[in-house]
Amino acid sequence: MRLMCQRSVSALIAIVAFGCTSPTASVGLDATVHFATSVESSCWSLVTPTRVYEPVDLPAAFRAEGLKVHVVLSDAPGWATICYVGQLVHVNSIAVQ
């Protein structure tokens, strides 16, 4: 019984460890460019119906409020921001819809 419990605990730890990490694969999606402002900061974001992403490298040509775009994003580990409006991502490719 104890061996079975240890295996279960080990499996649970592995699932949590791998399940909590962000995927590094690229993901393509449709989004709307938004400029968020507050007293402390302002930043660009990409808004979808279910999530908000904060690109660390949104090209200047696409920095237009309300612009509908199709983007391919990947995680931006190790980056920091003062906005924290959404998950930090790199823009791998972007096009106007």
PDB file of N, CA and C in Angstrom:
ATOM      1  N   MET A   1       0.827  -1.189   0.000  1.00  0.00           N
ATOM      2  CA  MET A   1       0.000   0.000   0.000  1.00  0.00           C
ATOM      3  C   MET A   1       0.873   1.256   0.000  1.00  0.00           C
ATOM      4  N   ARG A   2       1.940   1.224   0.796  1.00  0.00           N
ATOM      5  CA  ARG A   2       2.801   2.396   0.881  1.00  0.00           C
ATOM      6  C   ARG A   2       3.491   2.670  -0.451  1.00  0.00           C
ATOM      7  N   LEU A   3       3.942   1.635  -1.148  1.00  0.00           N
ATOM      8  CA  LEU A   3       4.583   1.797  -2.448  1.00  0.00           C
ATOM      9  C   LEU A   3       3.602   2.398  -3.452  1.00  0.00           C
ATOM     10  N   MET A   4       2.352   1.947  -3.406  1.00  0.00           N
ATOM     11  CA  MET A   4       1.337   2.473  -4.309  1.00  0.00           C
ATOM     12  C   MET A   4       1.078   3.960  -4.031  1.00  0.00           C
ATOM     13  N   CYS A   5       1.058   4.324  -2.757  1.00  0.00           N
ATOM     14  CA  CYS A   5       0.842   5.722  -2.373  1.00  0.00           C
ATOM     15  C   CYS A   5       2.019   6.588  -2.827  1.00  0.00           C
ATOM     16  N   GLN A   6       3.250   6.078  -2.697  1.00  0.00           N
ATOM     17  CA  GLN A   6       4.424   6.824  -3.128  1.00  0.00           C
ATOM     18  C   GLN A   6       4.400   7.052  -4.637  1.00  0.00           C
ATOM     19  N   ARG A   7       3.988   6.035  -5.396  1.00  0.00           N
ATOM     20  CA  ARG A   7       3.887   6.184  -6.849  1.00  0.00           C
ATOM     21  C   ARG A   7       2.841   7.229  -7.211  1.00  0.00           C
ATOM     22  N   SER A   8       1.727   7.205  -6.493  1.00  0.00           N
ATOM     23  CA  SER A   8       0.668   8.178  -6.765  1.00  0.00           C
ATOM     24  C   SER A   8       1.135   9.596  -6.480  1.00  0.00           C
ATOM     25  N   VAL A   9       1.839   9.772  -5.372  1.00  0.00           N
ATOM     26  CA  VAL A   9       2.345  11.094  -5.014  1.00  0.00           C
ATOM     27  C   VAL A   9       3.380  11.552  -6.041  1.00  0.00           C
ATOM     28  N   SER A  10       4.263  10.660  -6.459  1.00  0.00           N
ATOM     29  CA  SER A  10       5.277  11.004  -7.461  1.00  0.00           C
ATOM     30  C   SER A  10       4.614  11.398  -8.783  1.00  0.00           C
ATOM     31  N   ALA A  11       3.607  10.663  -9.179  1.00  0.00           N
ATOM     32  CA  ALA A  11       2.894  10.978 -10.422  1.00  0.00           C
ATOM     33  C   ALA A  11       2.190  12.324 -10.310  1.00  0.00           C
ATOM     34  N   LEU A  12       1.581  12.590  -9.170  1.00  0.00           N
ATOM     35  CA  LEU A  12       0.897  13.861  -8.958  1.00  0.00           C
ATOM     36  C   LEU A  12       1.873  15.034  -9.013  1.00  0.00           C
ATOM     37  N   ILE A  13       3.032  14.873  -8.414  1.00  0.00           N
ATOM     38  CA  ILE A  13       4.049  15.933  -8.440  1.00  0.00           C
ATOM     39  C   ILE A  13       4.508  16.184  -9.880  1.00  0.00           C
ATOM     40  N   ALA A  14       4.718  15.143 -10.640  1.00  0.00           N
ATOM     41  CA  ALA A  14       5.146  15.305 -12.034  1.00  0.00           C
ATOM     42  C   ALA A  14       4.078  16.004 -12.860  1.00  0.00           C
ATOM     43  N   ILE A  15       2.825  15.652 -12.657  1.00  0.00           N
ATOM     44  CA  ILE A  15       1.729  16.282 -13.398  1.00  0.00           C
ATOM     45  C   ILE A  15       1.649  17.765 -13.071  1.00  0.00           C
ATOM     46  N   VAL A  16       1.732  18.098 -11.802  1.00  0.00           N
ATOM     47  CA  VAL A  16       1.665  19.508 -11.397  1.00  0.00           C
ATOM     48  C   VAL A  16       2.866  20.270 -11.941  1.00  0.00           C
ATOM     49  N   ALA A  17       4.050  19.704 -11.843  1.00  0.00           N
ATOM     50  CA  ALA A  17       5.263  20.384 -12.311  1.00  0.00           C
ATOM     51  C   ALA A  17       5.198  20.671 -13.805  1.00  0.00           C
ATOM     52  N   PHE A  18       4.783  19.689 -14.600  1.00  0.00           N
ATOM     53  CA  PHE A  18       4.722  19.897 -16.040  1.00  0.00           C
ATOM     54  C   PHE A  18       3.478  20.675 -16.448  1.00  0.00           C
ATOM     55  N   GLY A  19       2.417  20.552 -15.715  1.00  0.00           N
ATOM     56  CA  GLY A  19       1.177  21.243 -16.052  1.00  0.00           C
ATOM     57  C   GLY A  19       1.216  22.724 -15.753  1.00  0.00           C
ATOM     58  N   CYS A  20       2.068  23.154 -14.847  1.00  0.00           N
ATOM     59  CA  CYS A  20       2.124  24.563 -14.471  1.00  0.00           C
ATOM     60  C   CYS A  20       3.105  25.372 -15.308  1.00  0.00           C
ATOM     61  N   THR A  21       3.899  24.709 -16.119  1.00  0.00           N
ATOM     62  CA  THR A  21       4.824  25.456 -16.953  1.00  0.00           C
ATOM     63  C   THR A  21       4.115  25.932 -18.200  1.00  0.00           C
ATOM     64  N   SER A  22       4.539  27.061 -18.720  1.00  0.00           N
ATOM     65  CA  SER A  22       3.943  27.608 -19.926  1.00  0.00           C
ATOM     66  C   SER A  22       4.495  26.890 -21.143  1.00  0.00           C
ATOM     67  N   PRO A  23       3.666  26.697 -22.145  1.00  0.00           N
ATOM     68  CA  PRO A  23       4.166  26.040 -23.349  1.00  0.00           C
ATOM     69  C   PRO A  23       5.118  26.973 -24.092  1.00  0.00           C
ATOM     70  N   THR A  24       6.127  26.396 -24.732  1.00  0.00           N
ATOM     71  CA  THR A  24       7.064  27.206 -25.499  1.00  0.00           C
ATOM     72  C   THR A  24       6.717  27.173 -26.980  1.00  0.00           C
ATOM     73  N   ALA A  25       5.755  26.362 -27.369  1.00  0.00           N
ATOM     74  CA  ALA A  25       5.354  26.279 -28.767  1.00  0.00           C
ATOM     75  C   ALA A  25       4.619  27.548 -29.171  1.00  0.00           C
ATOM     76  N   SER A  26       4.715  27.875 -30.451  1.00  0.00           N
ATOM     77  CA  SER A  26       4.015  29.043 -30.974  1.00  0.00           C
ATOM     78  C   SER A  26       2.533  28.734 -31.137  1.00  0.00           C
ATOM     79  N   VAL A  27       1.721  29.779 -30.993  1.00  0.00           N
ATOM     80  CA  VAL A  27       0.286  29.623 -31.165  1.00  0.00           C
ATOM     81  C   VAL A  27      -0.210  30.782 -32.029  1.00  0.00           C
ATOM     82  N   GLY A  28      -1.040  30.468 -33.022  1.00  0.00           N
ATOM     83  CA  GLY A  28      -1.614  31.490 -33.879  1.00  0.00           C
ATOM     84  C   GLY A  28      -3.036  31.802 -33.440  1.00  0.00           C
ATOM     85  N   LEU A  29      -3.386  33.080 -33.461  1.00  0.00           N
ATOM     86  CA  LEU A  29      -4.736  33.467 -33.052  1.00  0.00           C
ATOM     87  C   LEU A  29      -5.108  34.828 -33.612  1.00  0.00           C
ATOM     88  N   ASP A  30      -6.405  35.113 -33.604  1.00  0.00           N
ATOM     89  CA  ASP A  30      -6.915  36.422 -34.001  1.00  0.00           C
ATOM     90  C   ASP A  30      -7.079  37.268 -32.750  1.00  0.00           C
ATOM     91  N   ALA A  31      -6.684  38.539 -32.851  1.00  0.00           N
ATOM     92  CA  ALA A  31      -6.729  39.419 -31.680  1.00  0.00           C
ATOM     93  C   ALA A  31      -6.976  40.854 -32.118  1.00  0.00           C
ATOM     94  N   THR A  32      -7.292  41.675 -31.135  1.00  0.00           N
ATOM     95  CA  THR A  32      -7.460  43.112 -31.340  1.00  0.00           C
ATOM     96  C   THR A  32      -6.385  43.832 -30.543  1.00  0.00           C
ATOM     97  N   VAL A  33      -5.694  44.758 -31.194  1.00  0.00           N
ATOM     98  CA  VAL A  33      -4.657  45.532 -30.528  1.00  0.00           C
ATOM     99  C   VAL A  33      -5.330  46.571 -29.629  1.00  0.00           C
ATOM    100  N   HIS A  34      -4.834  46.676 -28.404  1.00  0.00           N
ATOM    101  CA  HIS A  34      -5.409  47.623 -27.438  1.00  0.00           C
ATOM    102  C   HIS A  34      -4.280  48.355 -26.726  1.00  0.00           C
ATOM    103  N   PHE A  35      -4.475  49.651 -26.512  1.00  0.00           N
ATOM    104  CA  PHE A  35      -3.509  50.450 -25.759  1.00  0.00           C
ATOM    105  C   PHE A  35      -4.084  50.703 -24.377  1.00  0.00           C
ATOM    106  N   ALA A  36      -3.493  50.080 -23.380  1.00  0.00           N
ATOM    107  CA  ALA A  36      -3.971  50.203 -22.006  1.00  0.00           C
ATOM    108  C   ALA A  36      -3.187  51.294 -21.296  1.00  0.00           C
ATOM    109  N   THR A  37      -3.909  52.170 -20.604  1.00  0.00           N
ATOM    110  CA  THR A  37      -3.252  53.238 -19.845  1.00  0.00           C
ATOM    111  C   THR A  37      -3.742  53.228 -18.403  1.00  0.00           C
ATOM    112  N   SER A  38      -2.855  53.644 -17.531  1.00  0.00           N
ATOM    113  CA  SER A  38      -3.202  53.805 -16.121  1.00  0.00           C
ATOM    114  C   SER A  38      -2.365  54.956 -15.579  1.00  0.00           C
ATOM    115  N   VAL A  39      -2.518  55.246 -14.319  1.00  0.00           N
ATOM    116  CA  VAL A  39      -1.750  56.314 -13.691  1.00  0.00           C
ATOM    117  C   VAL A  39      -0.259  55.998 -13.727  1.00  0.00           C
ATOM    118  N   GLU A  40       0.076  54.729 -13.580  1.00  0.00           N
ATOM    119  CA  GLU A  40       1.468  54.330 -13.458  1.00  0.00           C
ATOM    120  C   GLU A  40       2.154  54.002 -14.773  1.00  0.00           C
ATOM    121  N   SER A  41       1.400  53.549 -15.780  1.00  0.00           N
ATOM    122  CA  SER A  41       2.055  53.111 -17.004  1.00  0.00           C
ATOM    123  C   SER A  41       1.066  53.025 -18.161  1.00  0.00           C
ATOM    124  N   SER A  42       1.603  52.721 -19.309  1.00  0.00           N
ATOM    125  CA  SER A  42       0.775  52.450 -20.485  1.00  0.00           C
ATOM    126  C   SER A  42       1.497  51.409 -21.321  1.00  0.00           C
ATOM    127  N   CYS A  43       0.710  50.566 -21.997  1.00  0.00           N
ATOM    128  CA  CYS A  43       1.327  49.500 -22.777  1.00  0.00           C
ATOM    129  C   CYS A  43       0.342  48.952 -23.801  1.00  0.00           C
ATOM    130  N   TRP A  44       0.885  48.268 -24.781  1.00  0.00           N
ATOM    131  CA  TRP A  44       0.083  47.641 -25.818  1.00  0.00           C
ATOM    132  C   TRP A  44      -0.257  46.216 -25.401  1.00  0.00           C
ATOM    133  N   SER A  45      -1.450  45.782 -25.793  1.00  0.00           N
ATOM    134  CA  SER A  45      -1.857  44.407 -25.514  1.00  0.00           C
ATOM    135  C   SER A  45      -2.589  43.845 -26.720  1.00  0.00           C
ATOM    136  N   LEU A  46      -2.698  42.536 -26.753  1.00  0.00           N
ATOM    137  CA  LEU A  46      -3.450  41.822 -27.777  1.00  0.00           C
ATOM    138  C   LEU A  46      -4.590  41.111 -27.065  1.00  0.00           C
ATOM    139  N   VAL A  47      -5.812  41.463 -27.425  1.00  0.00           N
ATOM    140  CA  VAL A  47      -6.991  40.976 -26.712  1.00  0.00           C
ATOM    141  C   VAL A  47      -7.736  39.966 -27.582  1.00  0.00           C
ATOM    142  N   THR A  48      -8.031  38.808 -27.012  1.00  0.00           N
ATOM    143  CA  THR A  48      -8.877  37.797 -27.655  1.00  0.00           C
ATOM    144  C   THR A  48     -10.147  37.680 -26.824  1.00  0.00           C
ATOM    145  N   PRO A  49     -11.127  36.929 -27.301  1.00  0.00           N
ATOM    146  CA  PRO A  49     -12.349  36.768 -26.493  1.00  0.00           C
ATOM    147  C   PRO A  49     -12.106  36.122 -25.126  1.00  0.00           C
ATOM    148  N   THR A  50     -11.024  35.370 -24.989  1.00  0.00           N
ATOM    149  CA  THR A  50     -10.805  34.651 -23.730  1.00  0.00           C
ATOM    150  C   THR A  50      -9.560  35.064 -22.960  1.00  0.00           C
ATOM    151  N   ARG A  51      -8.604  35.764 -23.607  1.00  0.00           N
ATOM    152  CA  ARG A  51      -7.343  36.091 -22.933  1.00  0.00           C
ATOM    153  C   ARG A  51      -6.802  37.437 -23.382  1.00  0.00           C
ATOM    154  N   VAL A  52      -5.879  37.946 -22.584  1.00  0.00           N
ATOM    155  CA  VAL A  52      -5.144  39.155 -22.932  1.00  0.00           C
ATOM    156  C   VAL A  52      -3.661  38.804 -22.901  1.00  0.00           C
ATOM    157  N   TYR A  53      -2.951  39.221 -23.939  1.00  0.00           N
ATOM    158  CA  TYR A  53      -1.513  38.983 -24.044  1.00  0.00           C
ATOM    159  C   TYR A  53      -0.799  40.326 -24.086  1.00  0.00           C
ATOM    160  N   GLU A  54       0.379  40.387 -23.484  1.00  0.00           N
ATOM    161  CA  GLU A  54       1.187  41.593 -23.544  1.00  0.00           C
ATOM    162  C   GLU A  54       2.447  41.293 -24.358  1.00  0.00           C
ATOM    163  N   PRO A  55       2.499  41.786 -25.595  1.00  0.00           N
ATOM    164  CA  PRO A  55       3.673  41.509 -26.427  1.00  0.00           C
ATOM    165  C   PRO A  55       4.871  42.344 -25.983  1.00  0.00           C
ATOM    166  N   VAL A  56       6.023  41.717 -25.928  1.00  0.00           N
ATOM    167  CA  VAL A  56       7.237  42.437 -25.550  1.00  0.00           C
ATOM    168  C   VAL A  56       7.894  43.072 -26.767  1.00  0.00           C
ATOM    169  N   ASP A  57       7.409  42.745 -27.964  1.00  0.00           N
ATOM    170  CA  ASP A  57       8.033  43.239 -29.187  1.00  0.00           C
ATOM    171  C   ASP A  57       7.012  43.485 -30.303  1.00  0.00           C
ATOM    172  N   LEU A  58       5.918  44.157 -29.977  1.00  0.00           N
ATOM    173  CA  LEU A  58       4.909  44.482 -30.987  1.00  0.00           C
ATOM    174  C   LEU A  58       5.500  45.498 -31.969  1.00  0.00           C
ATOM    175  N   PRO A  59       5.542  45.170 -33.273  1.00  0.00           N
ATOM    176  CA  PRO A  59       6.107  46.114 -34.246  1.00  0.00           C
ATOM    177  C   PRO A  59       5.342  47.441 -34.257  1.00  0.00           C
ATOM    178  N   ALA A  60       6.075  48.535 -34.431  1.00  0.00           N
ATOM    179  CA  ALA A  60       5.476  49.877 -34.407  1.00  0.00           C
ATOM    180  C   ALA A  60       4.364  50.039 -35.432  1.00  0.00           C
ATOM    181  N   ALA A  61       4.480  49.385 -36.568  1.00  0.00           N
ATOM    182  CA  ALA A  61       3.471  49.506 -37.625  1.00  0.00           C
ATOM    183  C   ALA A  61       2.111  48.945 -37.209  1.00  0.00           C
ATOM    184  N   PHE A  62       2.082  48.125 -36.166  1.00  0.00           N
ATOM    185  CA  PHE A  62       0.830  47.503 -35.711  1.00  0.00           C
ATOM    186  C   PHE A  62       0.335  48.102 -34.395  1.00  0.00           C
ATOM    187  N   ARG A  63       0.910  49.177 -33.977  1.00  0.00           N
ATOM    188  CA  ARG A  63       0.490  49.836 -32.730  1.00  0.00           C
ATOM    189  C   ARG A  63      -0.615  50.840 -33.036  1.00  0.00           C
ATOM    190  N   ALA A  64      -1.810  50.291 -33.263  1.00  0.00           N
ATOM    191  CA  ALA A  64      -2.984  51.115 -33.582  1.00  0.00           C
ATOM    192  C   ALA A  64      -4.177  50.565 -32.818  1.00  0.00           C
ATOM    193  N   GLU A  65      -4.767  51.386 -31.989  1.00  0.00           N
ATOM    194  CA  GLU A  65      -5.910  50.979 -31.165  1.00  0.00           C
ATOM    195  C   GLU A  65      -7.017  50.393 -32.029  1.00  0.00           C
ATOM    196  N   GLY A  66      -7.492  49.203 -31.644  1.00  0.00           N
ATOM    197  CA  GLY A  66      -8.613  48.567 -32.323  1.00  0.00           C
ATOM    198  C   GLY A  66      -8.257  47.800 -33.582  1.00  0.00           C
ATOM    199  N   LEU A  67      -6.985  47.749 -33.948  1.00  0.00           N
ATOM    200  CA  LEU A  67      -6.559  47.044 -35.150  1.00  0.00           C
ATOM    201  C   LEU A  67      -6.785  45.543 -34.978  1.00  0.00           C
ATOM    202  N   LYS A  68      -7.464  44.927 -35.944  1.00  0.00           N
ATOM    203  CA  LYS A  68      -7.702  43.481 -35.924  1.00  0.00           C
ATOM    204  C   LYS A  68      -6.526  42.799 -36.611  1.00  0.00           C
ATOM    205  N   VAL A  69      -5.912  41.855 -35.918  1.00  0.00           N
ATOM    206  CA  VAL A  69      -4.718  41.197 -36.443  1.00  0.00           C
ATOM    207  C   VAL A  69      -4.796  39.681 -36.264  1.00  0.00           C
ATOM    208  N   HIS A  70      -3.986  38.992 -37.056  1.00  0.00           N
ATOM    209  CA  HIS A  70      -3.733  37.572 -36.826  1.00  0.00           C
ATOM    210  C   HIS A  70      -2.267  37.488 -36.425  1.00  0.00           C
ATOM    211  N   VAL A  71      -1.995  36.903 -35.276  1.00  0.00           N
ATOM    212  CA  VAL A  71      -0.627  36.844 -34.754  1.00  0.00           C
ATOM    213  C   VAL A  71      -0.232  35.412 -34.433  1.00  0.00           C
ATOM    214  N   VAL A  72       1.057  35.167 -34.513  1.00  0.00           N
ATOM    215  CA  VAL A  72       1.639  33.926 -34.021  1.00  0.00           C
ATOM    216  C   VAL A  72       2.522  34.332 -32.851  1.00  0.00           C
ATOM    217  N   LEU A  73       2.208  33.793 -31.691  1.00  0.00           N
ATOM    218  CA  LEU A  73       2.867  34.179 -30.440  1.00  0.00           C
ATOM    219  C   LEU A  73       3.624  33.013 -29.827  1.00  0.00           C
ATOM    220  N   SER A  74       4.644  33.342 -29.060  1.00  0.00           N
ATOM    221  CA  SER A  74       5.318  32.350 -28.228  1.00  0.00           C
ATOM    222  C   SER A  74       5.632  33.013 -26.884  1.00  0.00           C
ATOM    223  N   ASP A  75       5.830  32.202 -25.877  1.00  0.00           N
ATOM    224  CA  ASP A  75       6.105  32.713 -24.530  1.00  0.00           C
ATOM    225  C   ASP A  75       7.354  33.577 -24.513  1.00  0.00           C
ATOM    226  N   ALA A  76       7.395  34.494 -23.566  1.00  0.00           N
ATOM    227  CA  ALA A  76       8.552  35.367 -23.368  1.00  0.00           C
ATOM    228  C   ALA A  76       9.093  35.163 -21.952  1.00  0.00           C
ATOM    229  N   PRO A  77       9.682  34.001 -21.694  1.00  0.00           N
ATOM    230  CA  PRO A  77      10.201  33.751 -20.347  1.00  0.00           C
ATOM    231  C   PRO A  77      11.374  34.671 -20.042  1.00  0.00           C
ATOM    232  N   GLY A  78      11.460  35.082 -18.795  1.00  0.00           N
ATOM    233  CA  GLY A  78      12.563  35.919 -18.369  1.00  0.00           C
ATOM    234  C   GLY A  78      12.337  37.408 -18.601  1.00  0.00           C
ATOM    235  N   TRP A  79      11.226  37.783 -19.194  1.00  0.00           N
ATOM    236  CA  TRP A  79      10.913  39.189 -19.428  1.00  0.00           C
ATOM    237  C   TRP A  79      10.080  39.712 -18.270  1.00  0.00           C
ATOM    238  N   ALA A  80      10.133  41.023 -18.060  1.00  0.00           N
ATOM    239  CA  ALA A  80       9.331  41.671 -17.020  1.00  0.00           C
ATOM    240  C   ALA A  80       8.690  42.914 -17.623  1.00  0.00           C
ATOM    241  N   THR A  81       7.652  43.408 -16.975  1.00  0.00           N
ATOM    242  CA  THR A  81       6.944  44.582 -17.445  1.00  0.00           C
ATOM    243  C   THR A  81       6.377  45.336 -16.257  1.00  0.00           C
ATOM    244  N   ILE A  82       6.065  46.600 -16.461  1.00  0.00           N
ATOM    245  CA  ILE A  82       5.412  47.355 -15.396  1.00  0.00           C
ATOM    246  C   ILE A  82       3.895  47.320 -15.555  1.00  0.00           C
ATOM    247  N   CYS A  83       3.436  46.822 -16.681  1.00  0.00           N
ATOM    248  CA  CYS A  83       1.985  46.799 -16.939  1.00  0.00           C
ATOM    249  C   CYS A  83       1.299  45.554 -16.379  1.00  0.00           C
ATOM    250  N   TYR A  84       1.792  44.409 -16.735  1.00  0.00           N
ATOM    251  CA  TYR A  84       1.200  43.133 -16.328  1.00  0.00           C
ATOM    252  C   TYR A  84      -0.295  43.069 -16.637  1.00  0.00           C
ATOM    253  N   VAL A  85      -0.631  43.358 -17.890  1.00  0.00           N
ATOM    254  CA  VAL A  85      -2.034  43.268 -18.299  1.00  0.00           C
ATOM    255  C   VAL A  85      -2.373  41.879 -18.823  1.00  0.00           C
ATOM    256  N   GLY A  86      -1.362  41.075 -19.115  1.00  0.00           N
ATOM    257  CA  GLY A  86      -1.597  39.730 -19.630  1.00  0.00           C
ATOM    258  C   GLY A  86      -0.295  38.962 -19.698  1.00  0.00           C
ATOM    259  N   GLN A  87      -0.386  37.752 -20.237  1.00  0.00           N
ATOM    260  CA  GLN A  87       0.783  36.903 -20.386  1.00  0.00           C
ATOM    261  C   GLN A  87       1.780  37.560 -21.332  1.00  0.00           C
ATOM    262  N   LEU A  88       3.047  37.601 -20.942  1.00  0.00           N
ATOM    263  CA  LEU A  88       4.086  38.192 -21.784  1.00  0.00           C
ATOM    264  C   LEU A  88       4.437  37.232 -22.919  1.00  0.00           C
ATOM    265  N   VAL A  89       4.448  37.769 -24.141  1.00  0.00           N
ATOM    266  CA  VAL A  89       4.677  36.945 -25.329  1.00  0.00           C
ATOM    267  C   VAL A  89       5.562  37.675 -26.333  1.00  0.00           C
ATOM    268  N   HIS A  90       6.204  36.890 -27.197  1.00  0.00           N
ATOM    269  CA  HIS A  90       6.918  37.400 -28.358  1.00  0.00           C
ATOM    270  C   HIS A  90       5.987  37.306 -29.548  1.00  0.00           C
ATOM    271  N   VAL A  91       6.043  38.279 -30.434  1.00  0.00           N
ATOM    272  CA  VAL A  91       5.267  38.243 -31.683  1.00  0.00           C
ATOM    273  C   VAL A  91       6.184  37.624 -32.737  1.00  0.00           C
ATOM    274  N   ASN A  92       5.870  36.390 -33.153  1.00  0.00           N
ATOM    275  CA  ASN A  92       6.665  35.713 -34.172  1.00  0.00           C
ATOM    276  C   ASN A  92       6.289  36.189 -35.571  1.00  0.00           C
ATOM    277  N   SER A  93       4.993  36.444 -35.774  1.00  0.00           N
ATOM    278  CA  SER A  93       4.519  37.022 -37.031  1.00  0.00           C
ATOM    279  C   SER A  93       3.194  37.705 -36.757  1.00  0.00           C
ATOM    280  N   ILE A  94       2.870  38.706 -37.594  1.00  0.00           N
ATOM    281  CA  ILE A  94       1.635  39.462 -37.405  1.00  0.00           C
ATOM    282  C   ILE A  94       1.175  39.987 -38.759  1.00  0.00           C
ATOM    283  N   ALA A  95      -0.123  39.978 -38.957  1.00  0.00           N
ATOM    284  CA  ALA A  95      -0.718  40.499 -40.194  1.00  0.00           C
ATOM    285  C   ALA A  95      -2.080  41.088 -39.871  1.00  0.00           C
ATOM    286  N   VAL A  96      -2.453  42.132 -40.619  1.00  0.00           N
ATOM    287  CA  VAL A  96      -3.761  42.728 -40.455  1.00  0.00           C
ATOM    288  C   VAL A  96      -4.806  41.762 -40.999  1.00  0.00           C
ATOM    289  N   GLN A  97      -5.932  41.654 -40.307  1.00  0.00           N
ATOM    290  CA  GLN A  97      -7.017  40.771 -40.773  1.00  0.00           C
ATOM    291  C   GLN A  97      -7.761  41.424 -41.898  1.00  0.00           C
TER     292      GLN A  97
END
